[in-house]
C-alpha atoms as a PDB file:
ATOM      1  CA  UNK A   1       0.624  -7.992   4.583  1.00  0.00           C
ATOM      2  CA  UNK A   2      -2.913  -8.792   3.910  1.00  0.00           C
ATOM      3  CA  UNK A   3      -4.992 -11.322   1.824  1.00  0.00           C
ATOM      4  CA  UNK A   4      -7.354  -9.277  -0.448  1.00  0.00           C
ATOM      5  CA  UNK A   5     -10.033 -11.826  -0.704  1.00  0.00           C
ATOM      6  CA  UNK A   6     -10.514 -12.258   3.113  1.00  0.00           C
ATOM      7  CA  UNK A   7      -8.499  -9.262   4.571  1.00  0.00           C
ATOM      8  CA  UNK A   8      -6.695 -11.502   6.826  1.00  0.00           C
ATOM      9  CA  UNK A   9      -3.785  -9.341   8.209  1.00  0.00           C
ATOM     10  CA  UNK A  10      -0.229 -10.081   9.431  1.00  0.00           C
ATOM     11  CA  UNK A  11       1.558  -7.236  11.096  1.00  0.00           C
ATOM     12  CA  UNK A  12       5.484  -7.659  10.710  1.00  0.00           C
ATOM     13  CA  UNK A  13       7.983  -5.775  12.780  1.00  0.00           C
ATOM     14  CA  UNK A  14      11.082  -4.409  10.975  1.00  0.00           C
ATOM     15  CA  UNK A  15      14.424  -5.070  12.720  1.00  0.00           C
ATOM     16  CA  UNK A  16      16.319  -2.129  13.931  1.00  0.00           C
ATOM     17  CA  UNK A  17      19.958  -1.722  13.301  1.00  0.00           C
ATOM     18  CA  UNK A  18      22.607   0.605  14.720  1.00  0.00           C
ATOM     19  CA  UNK A  19      25.228   2.227  12.434  1.00  0.00           C
ATOM     20  CA  UNK A  20      28.879   2.064  13.270  1.00  0.00           C
ATOM     21  CA  UNK A  21      29.942   4.343  16.208  1.00  0.00           C
ATOM     22  CA  UNK A  22      32.945   5.689  14.364  1.00  0.00           C
ATOM     23  CA  UNK A  23      32.953   9.308  14.797  1.00  0.00           C
ATOM     24  CA  UNK A  24      29.960   9.502  17.252  1.00  0.00           C
ATOM     25  CA  UNK A  25      30.212  12.636  19.526  1.00  0.00           C
ATOM     26  CA  UNK A  26      30.689  11.797  23.190  1.00  0.00           C
ATOM     27  CA  UNK A  27      30.276  13.848  26.375  1.00  0.00           C
ATOM     28  CA  UNK A  28      33.110  14.693  28.802  1.00  0.00           C
ATOM     29  CA  UNK A  29      32.707  11.418  30.651  1.00  0.00           C
ATOM     30  CA  UNK A  30      33.247   9.539  27.455  1.00  0.00           C
ATOM     31  CA  UNK A  31      29.624   8.470  26.944  1.00  0.00           C
ATOM     32  CA  UNK A  32      27.596   8.615  23.839  1.00  0.00           C
ATOM     33  CA  UNK A  33      25.281  11.582  23.339  1.00  0.00           C
ATOM     34  CA  UNK A  34      21.667  10.023  23.676  1.00  0.00           C
ATOM     35  CA  UNK A  35      20.350  12.314  20.767  1.00  0.00           C
ATOM     36  CA  UNK A  36      22.945  11.222  18.390  1.00  0.00           C
ATOM     37  CA  UNK A  37      22.858   7.438  19.423  1.00  0.00           C
ATOM     38  CA  UNK A  38      18.920   7.553  18.561  1.00  0.00           C
ATOM     39  CA  UNK A  39      19.751   8.833  15.128  1.00  0.00           C
ATOM     40  CA  UNK A  40      22.301   6.027  14.685  1.00  0.00           C
ATOM     41  CA  UNK A  41      19.489   3.591  14.861  1.00  0.00           C
ATOM     42  CA  UNK A  42      17.421   2.830  11.755  1.00  0.00           C
ATOM     43  CA  UNK A  43      14.835   0.349  10.303  1.00  0.00           C
ATOM     44  CA  UNK A  44      16.440  -2.221   7.979  1.00  0.00           C
ATOM     45  CA  UNK A  45      14.153  -1.977   4.923  1.00  0.00           C
ATOM     46  CA  UNK A  46      16.470  -3.664   2.444  1.00  0.00           C
ATOM     47  CA  UNK A  47      15.062  -5.982  -0.274  1.00  0.00           C
ATOM     48  CA  UNK A  48      16.952  -8.953   1.364  1.00  0.00           C
ATOM     49  CA  UNK A  49      15.342  -8.161   4.912  1.00  0.00           C
ATOM     50  CA  UNK A  50      11.851  -7.634   3.294  1.00  0.00           C
ATOM     51  CA  UNK A  51      12.007 -10.778   1.303  1.00  0.00           C
ATOM     52  CA  UNK A  52      13.160 -12.816   4.312  1.00  0.00           C
ATOM     53  CA  UNK A  53      10.226 -11.526   6.379  1.00  0.00           C
ATOM     54  CA  UNK A  54       7.658 -12.010   3.708  1.00  0.00           C
ATOM     55  CA  UNK A  55       8.984 -15.649   3.350  1.00  0.00           C
ATOM     56  CA  UNK A  56       8.942 -16.480   7.040  1.00  0.00           C
ATOM     57  CA  UNK A  57       5.695 -14.754   7.730  1.00  0.00           C
ATOM     58  CA  UNK A  58       3.480 -15.486   4.899  1.00  0.00           C
ATOM     59  CA  UNK A  59       4.940 -17.911   2.220  1.00  0.00           C
ATOM     60  CA  UNK A  60       5.924 -20.603   4.835  1.00  0.00           C
ATOM     61  CA  UNK A  61       2.505 -20.511   6.710  1.00  0.00           C
ATOM     62  CA  UNK A  62      -0.183 -20.034   4.295  1.00  0.00           C
ATOM     63  CA  UNK A  63      -1.241 -21.702   0.747  1.00  0.00           C
ATOM     64  CA  UNK A  64       0.608 -20.223  -2.168  1.00  0.00           C
ATOM     65  CA  UNK A  65      -1.043 -17.356  -3.864  1.00  0.00           C
ATOM     66  CA  UNK A  66      -1.260 -16.473  -7.573  1.00  0.00           C
ATOM     67  CA  UNK A  67      -0.552 -12.828  -7.588  1.00  0.00           C
ATOM     68  CA  UNK A  68       1.263 -10.348  -5.334  1.00  0.00           C
ATOM     69  CA  UNK A  69       0.433  -6.618  -5.319  1.00  0.00           C
ATOM     70  CA  UNK A  70       3.158  -4.072  -4.027  1.00  0.00           C
ATOM     71  CA  UNK A  71       4.151  -0.553  -4.366  1.00  0.00           C
ATOM     72  CA  UNK A  72       7.100   0.802  -6.148  1.00  0.00           C
ATOM     73  CA  UNK A  73       9.368   1.135  -3.135  1.00  0.00           C
ATOM     74  CA  UNK A  74      13.061   0.235  -3.292  1.00  0.00           C
ATOM     75  CA  UNK A  75      12.471  -2.479  -0.723  1.00  0.00           C
ATOM     76  CA  UNK A  76      10.414  -4.468  -3.327  1.00  0.00           C
ATOM     77  CA  UNK A  77      13.301  -4.801  -5.648  1.00  0.00           C
ATOM     78  CA  UNK A  78      16.031  -7.391  -6.231  1.00  0.00           C
ATOM     79  CA  UNK A  79      15.838  -9.973  -3.672  1.00  0.00           C
ATOM     80  CA  UNK A  80      12.090  -9.549  -3.189  1.00  0.00           C
ATOM     81  CA  UNK A  81      11.529 -10.025  -6.828  1.00  0.00           C
ATOM     82  CA  UNK A  82      13.682 -13.009  -7.059  1.00  0.00           C
ATOM     83  CA  UNK A  83      11.773 -14.648  -4.107  1.00  0.00           C
ATOM     84  CA  UNK A  84       8.366 -14.110  -6.042  1.00  0.00           C
ATOM     85  CA  UNK A  85       9.620 -15.527  -9.161  1.00  0.00           C
ATOM     86  CA  UNK A  86      11.202 -18.541  -7.268  1.00  0.00           C
ATOM     87  CA  UNK A  87       7.524 -19.226  -6.095  1.00  0.00           C
ATOM     88  CA  UNK A  88       6.056 -18.765  -9.529  1.00  0.00           C
ATOM     89  CA  UNK A  89       4.034 -15.573  -8.234  1.00  0.00           C
ATOM     90  CA  UNK A  90       2.828 -13.029 -10.789  1.00  0.00           C
ATOM     91  CA  UNK A  91       4.055  -9.757  -9.545  1.00  0.00           C
ATOM     92  CA  UNK A  92       1.738  -6.746  -9.910  1.00  0.00           C
ATOM     93  CA  UNK A  93       3.414  -3.435  -8.922  1.00  0.00           C
ATOM     94  CA  UNK A  94       1.097  -0.566  -8.515  1.00  0.00           C
ATOM     95  CA  UNK A  95       1.413   2.545 -10.545  1.00  0.00           C
ATOM     96  CA  UNK A  96       3.240   5.562  -8.930  1.00  0.00           C
ATOM     97  CA  UNK A  97       1.255   7.665  -6.533  1.00  0.00           C
ATOM     98  CA  UNK A  98      -1.924   5.725  -7.089  1.00  0.00           C
ATOM     99  CA  UNK A  99      -2.787   4.212  -3.781  1.00  0.00           C
ATOM    100  CA  UNK A 100      -6.167   3.082  -5.143  1.00  0.00           C
ATOM    101  CA  UNK A 101      -4.446   0.142  -6.907  1.00  0.00           C
ATOM    102  CA  UNK A 102      -3.641  -1.236  -3.574  1.00  0.00           C
ATOM    103  CA  UNK A 103      -6.790  -0.007  -1.794  1.00  0.00           C
ATOM    104  CA  UNK A 104      -7.527  -3.039   0.750  1.00  0.00           C
ATOM    105  CA  UNK A 105      -4.230  -2.488   2.232  1.00  0.00           C
ATOM    106  CA  UNK A 106      -4.191   1.265   2.299  1.00  0.00           C
ATOM    107  CA  UNK A 107      -7.588   1.166   4.070  1.00  0.00           C
ATOM    108  CA  UNK A 108      -6.187  -1.075   6.764  1.00  0.00           C
ATOM    109  CA  UNK A 109      -3.468   1.533   7.160  1.00  0.00           C
ATOM    110  CA  UNK A 110      -6.094   4.147   7.718  1.00  0.00           C
ATOM    111  CA  UNK A 111      -7.909   1.971  10.123  1.00  0.00           C
ATOM    112  CA  UNK A 112      -4.701   1.303  12.252  1.00  0.00           C
ATOM    113  CA  UNK A 113      -4.101   5.137  12.199  1.00  0.00           C
ATOM    114  CA  UNK A 114      -7.354   5.844  13.569  1.00  0.00           C
ATOM    115  CA  UNK A 115      -7.017   3.059  16.271  1.00  0.00           C
ATOM    116  CA  UNK A 116      -3.794   4.514  16.994  1.00  0.00           C
ATOM    117  CA  UNK A 117      -5.275   8.056  17.527  1.00  0.00           C
ATOM    118  CA  UNK A 118      -8.181   6.846  19.713  1.00  0.00           C
ATOM    119  CA  UNK A 119      -5.816   4.607  21.780  1.00  0.00           C
ATOM    120  CA  UNK A 120      -4.428   7.814  23.375  1.00  0.00           C
ATOM    121  CA  UNK A 121      -0.777   6.628  22.893  1.00  0.00           C
ATOM    122  CA  UNK A 122       0.036  10.359  22.033  1.00  0.00           C
ATOM    123  CA  UNK A 123      -1.312  11.558  25.546  1.00  0.00           C
ATOM    124  CA  UNK A 124       0.736   9.145  27.511  1.00  0.00           C
ATOM    125  CA  UNK A 125       3.532  10.444  29.451  1.00  0.00           C
ATOM    126  CA  UNK A 126       6.077   8.113  27.767  1.00  0.00           C
ATOM    127  CA  UNK A 127       5.787   5.409  25.030  1.00  0.00           C
ATOM    128  CA  UNK A 128       8.010   2.563  24.839  1.00  0.00           C
ATOM    129  CA  UNK A 129       8.775   0.108  21.847  1.00  0.00           C
ATOM    130  CA  UNK A 130       6.671  -2.460  23.810  1.00  0.00           C
ATOM    131  CA  UNK A 131       3.757  -0.369  24.027  1.00  0.00           C
ATOM    132  CA  UNK A 132       3.741   0.073  20.294  1.00  0.00           C
ATOM    133  CA  UNK A 133       4.180  -3.699  19.716  1.00  0.00           C
ATOM    134  CA  UNK A 134       1.252  -4.581  22.113  1.00  0.00           C
ATOM    135  CA  UNK A 135      -1.043  -2.197  20.294  1.00  0.00           C
ATOM    136  CA  UNK A 136      -0.095  -3.497  16.828  1.00  0.00           C
ATOM    137  CA  UNK A 137      -0.849  -6.931  17.993  1.00  0.00           C
ATOM    138  CA  UNK A 138      -4.179  -5.996  19.509  1.00  0.00           C
ATOM    139  CA  UNK A 139      -5.191  -3.920  16.421  1.00  0.00           C
ATOM    140  CA  UNK A 140      -4.289  -6.858  14.047  1.00  0.00           C
ATOM    141  CA  UNK A 141      -6.520  -9.130  16.167  1.00  0.00           C
ATOM    142  CA  UNK A 142      -9.347  -6.707  16.148  1.00  0.00           C
ATOM    143  CA  UNK A 143      -9.043  -6.486  12.392  1.00  0.00           C
ATOM    144  CA  UNK A 144      -9.200 -10.192  11.906  1.00  0.00           C
ATOM    145  CA  UNK A 145     -12.083 -10.658  14.307  1.00  0.00           C
ATOM    146  CA  UNK A 146     -14.212  -7.738  13.112  1.00  0.00           C
ATOM    147  CA  UNK A 147     -17.328  -8.511  11.113  1.00  0.00           C
ATOM    148  CA  UNK A 148     -16.702  -7.951   7.284  1.00  0.00           C
ATOM    149  CA  UNK A 149     -19.709  -6.737   5.281  1.00  0.00           C
ATOM    150  CA  UNK A 150     -18.642  -8.584   2.022  1.00  0.00           C
ATOM    151  CA  UNK A 151     -17.677 -11.858   3.655  1.00  0.00           C
ATOM    152  CA  UNK A 152     -20.728 -11.793   6.155  1.00  0.00           C
ATOM    153  CA  UNK A 153     -18.247 -12.869   8.833  1.00  0.00           C
ATOM    154  CA  UNK A 154     -15.012 -11.877  10.238  1.00  0.00           C
ATOM    155  CA  UNK A 155     -11.625 -12.778   8.136  1.00  0.00           C
ATOM    156  CA  UNK A 156     -10.672 -15.235  10.772  1.00  0.00           C
ATOM    157  CA  UNK A 157     -14.124 -16.904  10.676  1.00  0.00           C
ATOM    158  CA  UNK A 158     -14.096 -17.133   6.813  1.00  0.00           C
ATOM    159  CA  UNK A 159     -10.491 -18.555   6.721  1.00  0.00           C
ATOM    160  CA  UNK A 160     -10.617 -21.147   9.530  1.00  0.00           C
ATOM    161  CA  UNK A 161     -14.163 -22.064   9.433  1.00  0.00           C
ATOM    162  CA  UNK A 162     -14.859 -21.206  13.069  1.00  0.00           C
ATOM    163  CA  UNK A 163     -15.902 -18.093  14.736  1.00  0.00           C
ATOM    164  CA  UNK A 164     -13.068 -16.130  16.328  1.00  0.00           C
ATOM    165  CA  UNK A 165     -14.868 -15.962  19.609  1.00  0.00           C
ATOM    166  CA  UNK A 166     -17.355 -18.711  20.007  1.00  0.00           C
ATOM    167  CA  UNK A 167     -17.041 -22.425  19.211  1.00  0.00           C
ATOM    168  CA  UNK A 168     -19.411 -22.288  16.263  1.00  0.00           C
ATOM    169  CA  UNK A 169     -18.604 -23.548  12.938  1.00  0.00           C
ATOM    170  CA  UNK A 170     -18.798 -21.496   9.830  1.00  0.00           C
ATOM    171  CA  UNK A 171     -18.934 -22.513   6.051  1.00  0.00           C
ATOM    172  CA  UNK A 172     -18.096 -19.766   3.705  1.00  0.00           C
ATOM    173  CA  UNK A 173     -19.943 -19.686   0.319  1.00  0.00           C
ATOM    174  CA  UNK A 174     -16.967 -18.175  -1.812  1.00  0.00           C
ATOM    175  CA  UNK A 175     -18.967 -18.233  -5.052  1.00  0.00           C
ATOM    176  CA  UNK A 176     -21.682 -15.892  -3.423  1.00  0.00           C
ATOM    177  CA  UNK A 177     -19.016 -13.887  -1.706  1.00  0.00           C
ATOM    178  CA  UNK A 178     -17.038 -13.306  -5.184  1.00  0.00           C
ATOM    179  CA  UNK A 179     -20.445 -12.293  -6.895  1.00  0.00           C
ATOM    180  CA  UNK A 180     -21.252  -9.936  -4.117  1.00  0.00           C
ATOM    181  CA  UNK A 181     -17.875  -8.266  -4.086  1.00  0.00           C
ATOM    182  CA  UNK A 182     -18.019  -7.904  -7.990  1.00  0.00           C
ATOM    183  CA  UNK A 183     -21.331  -6.268  -7.626  1.00  0.00           C
ATOM    184  CA  UNK A 184     -20.025  -3.845  -5.099  1.00  0.00           C
ATOM    185  CA  UNK A 185     -17.002  -3.049  -7.376  1.00  0.00           C
ATOM    186  CA  UNK A 186     -19.392  -2.560 -10.306  1.00  0.00           C
ATOM    187  CA  UNK A 187     -21.552  -0.278  -8.354  1.00  0.00           C
ATOM    188  CA  UNK A 188     -18.716   1.881  -7.131  1.00  0.00           C
ATOM    189  CA  UNK A 189     -17.480   2.244 -10.496  1.00  0.00           C
ATOM    190  CA  UNK A 190     -20.723   3.193 -12.010  1.00  0.00           C
ATOM    191  CA  UNK A 191     -21.184   5.894  -9.130  1.00  0.00           C
ATOM    192  CA  UNK A 192     -17.472   7.416  -9.925  1.00  0.00           C
ATOM    193  CA  UNK A 193     -18.028   7.403 -13.795  1.00  0.00           C
ATOM    194  CA  UNK A 194     -21.397   9.474 -13.597  1.00  0.00           C
ATOM    195  CA  UNK A 195     -19.219  12.548 -13.163  1.00  0.00           C
ATOM    196  CA  UNK A 196     -16.595  11.606 -15.746  1.00  0.00           C
ATOM    197  CA  UNK A 197     -16.430  12.049 -19.500  1.00  0.00           C
ATOM    198  CA  UNK A 198     -15.763   9.057 -21.674  1.00  0.00           C
ATOM    199  CA  UNK A 199     -12.469   9.553 -23.067  1.00  0.00           C
ATOM    200  CA  UNK A 200      -9.902   7.029 -24.776  1.00  0.00           C
ATOM    201  CA  UNK A 201      -6.421   8.224 -25.162  1.00  0.00           C
ATOM    202  CA  UNK A 202      -4.533   7.523 -28.422  1.00  0.00           C
ATOM    203  CA  UNK A 203      -0.878   7.699 -29.306  1.00  0.00           C
ATOM    204  CA  UNK A 204      -0.067  11.347 -30.378  1.00  0.00           C
ATOM    205  CA  UNK A 205      -2.818  13.004 -27.941  1.00  0.00           C
ATOM    206  CA  UNK A 206      -1.621  15.940 -25.792  1.00  0.00           C
ATOM    207  CA  UNK A 207      -2.414  15.981 -22.042  1.00  0.00           C
ATOM    208  CA  UNK A 208      -1.433  17.923 -18.888  1.00  0.00           C
ATOM    209  CA  UNK A 209       0.033  16.259 -15.950  1.00  0.00           C
ATOM    210  CA  UNK A 210      -1.264  16.648 -12.377  1.00  0.00           C
ATOM    211  CA  UNK A 211       0.960  18.613  -9.946  1.00  0.00           C
ATOM    212  CA  UNK A 212       2.241  16.943  -6.662  1.00  0.00           C
ATOM    213  CA  UNK A 213       2.438  18.483  -3.130  1.00  0.00           C
ATOM    214  CA  UNK A 214       0.705  21.531  -1.645  1.00  0.00           C
ATOM    215  CA  UNK A 215      -0.513  24.285  -4.075  1.00  0.00           C
ATOM    216  CA  UNK A 216      -1.567  27.796  -3.423  1.00  0.00           C
ATOM    217  CA  UNK A 217      -5.152  28.775  -4.020  1.00  0.00           C
ATOM    218  CA  UNK A 218      -4.573  30.552  -7.370  1.00  0.00           C
ATOM    219  CA  UNK A 219      -2.333  27.920  -8.589  1.00  0.00           C
ATOM    220  CA  UNK A 220      -3.738  25.447 -11.154  1.00  0.00           C
ATOM    221  CA  UNK A 221      -3.713  21.609 -10.344  1.00  0.00           C
ATOM    222  CA  UNK A 222      -2.024  20.860 -13.706  1.00  0.00           C
ATOM    223  CA  UNK A 223       1.166  21.788 -15.302  1.00  0.00           C
ATOM    224  CA  UNK A 224       1.334  24.262 -18.161  1.00  0.00           C
ATOM    225  CA  UNK A 225       3.575  22.235 -20.759  1.00  0.00           C
ATOM    226  CA  UNK A 226       1.733  19.543 -22.461  1.00  0.00           C
ATOM    227  CA  UNK A 227       2.925  15.836 -22.750  1.00  0.00           C
ATOM    228  CA  UNK A 228       2.576  13.594 -25.632  1.00  0.00           C
ATOM    229  CA  UNK A 229       1.059  10.052 -25.338  1.00  0.00           C
ATOM    230  CA  UNK A 230       3.771   7.529 -26.871  1.00  0.00           C
ATOM    231  CA  UNK A 231       2.153   4.309 -25.686  1.00  0.00           C
ATOM    232  CA  UNK A 232      -1.378   3.127 -24.512  1.00  0.00           C
ATOM    233  CA  UNK A 233      -1.796   0.235 -22.058  1.00  0.00           C
ATOM    234  CA  UNK A 234      -4.851  -1.833 -21.385  1.00  0.00           C
ATOM    235  CA  UNK A 235      -4.555  -1.594 -17.482  1.00  0.00           C
ATOM    236  CA  UNK A 236      -5.385   2.046 -17.369  1.00  0.00           C
ATOM    237  CA  UNK A 237      -1.800   3.258 -17.705  1.00  0.00           C
ATOM    238  CA  UNK A 238      -0.059   5.134 -20.548  1.00  0.00           C
ATOM    239  CA  UNK A 239       3.451   6.136 -21.272  1.00  0.00           C
ATOM    240  CA  UNK A 240       4.031   9.953 -21.924  1.00  0.00           C
ATOM    241  CA  UNK A 241       7.010  11.833 -23.233  1.00  0.00           C
ATOM    242  CA  UNK A 242       8.202  15.389 -23.423  1.00  0.00           C
ATOM    243  CA  UNK A 243      11.426  15.890 -25.028  1.00  0.00           C
ATOM    244  CA  UNK A 244      14.076  13.273 -23.766  1.00  0.00           C
ATOM    245  CA  UNK A 245      11.870  12.546 -20.559  1.00  0.00           C
ATOM    246  CA  UNK A 246       9.551   9.603 -20.634  1.00  0.00           C
ATOM    247  CA  UNK A 247       7.257   8.358 -17.690  1.00  0.00           C
ATOM    248  CA  UNK A 248       4.466   5.630 -17.474  1.00  0.00           C
ATOM    249  CA  UNK A 249       1.610   6.590 -15.248  1.00  0.00           C
ATOM    250  CA  UNK A 250      -2.093   6.247 -14.464  1.00  0.00           C
ATOM    251  CA  UNK A 251      -4.754   7.993 -16.397  1.00  0.00           C
ATOM    252  CA  UNK A 252      -6.029   9.439 -13.081  1.00  0.00           C
ATOM    253  CA  UNK A 253      -3.179  11.842 -12.964  1.00  0.00           C
ATOM    254  CA  UNK A 254      -3.632  13.346 -16.448  1.00  0.00           C
ATOM    255  CA  UNK A 255      -6.261  15.326 -18.366  1.00  0.00           C
ATOM    256  CA  UNK A 256      -6.495  15.793 -22.159  1.00  0.00           C
ATOM    257  CA  UNK A 257      -5.017  19.060 -23.530  1.00  0.00           C
ATOM    258  CA  UNK A 258      -6.480  20.751 -26.646  1.00  0.00           C
ATOM    259  CA  UNK A 259      -4.411  23.328 -28.513  1.00  0.00           C
ATOM    260  CA  UNK A 260      -6.269  26.601 -29.382  1.00  0.00           C
ATOM    261  CA  UNK A 261      -7.128  26.801 -33.127  1.00  0.00           C
ATOM    262  CA  UNK A 262      -6.966  30.332 -34.623  1.00  0.00           C
END
């Protein structure tokens, strides 16, 4: 979990559960097979558990936020949605297969993965769960204590008004930080749009859907059968339909389709 305004990070460990041992293979001495026993353990990612962890880790410790962004995983359904509604939060699920919508958290995931690779955990003779837990704690502290180019300070310094390493006070100018962040966003958007053609989708337009997965060199990136736009939304998403199948997705995953005129 992360605060998009300050990049303050909280790492939460999922509990490990064990499936019932009925029918578990055993060796001649009546002991469980180790490989099978490891498979019987799994992470509890139910919506009830996620709601409990978010409540105990974030909602009970920090000021109430206005919006909450999350992906379309099944763990963010039912109990999690009920929790957000009970706190009066505006839920903003991201579009399917568009990680850019939750870019700050995805970038932190990339940073943690890079730190794990450079931490040489994969080169160790053995890695225990405690080693992973210690690494995540150290990595979370490093992220919260590292200088942020937008904040002009570390996330912890901006939030608590005190340097994370030294006894030095810090007063954050949030108006200036917000203006600078918007300036960076506008500049990045302008740079991306330089190579794009201005196009507005309308109801009834034909388009092709981007293929997923690994493709061959000679294979095109888009499907052959066109879809029809049935609804256009103002947040960069559209609803498309082909036959009885309908789907809502981001415009990044489609391109216009023009039929040949004889």
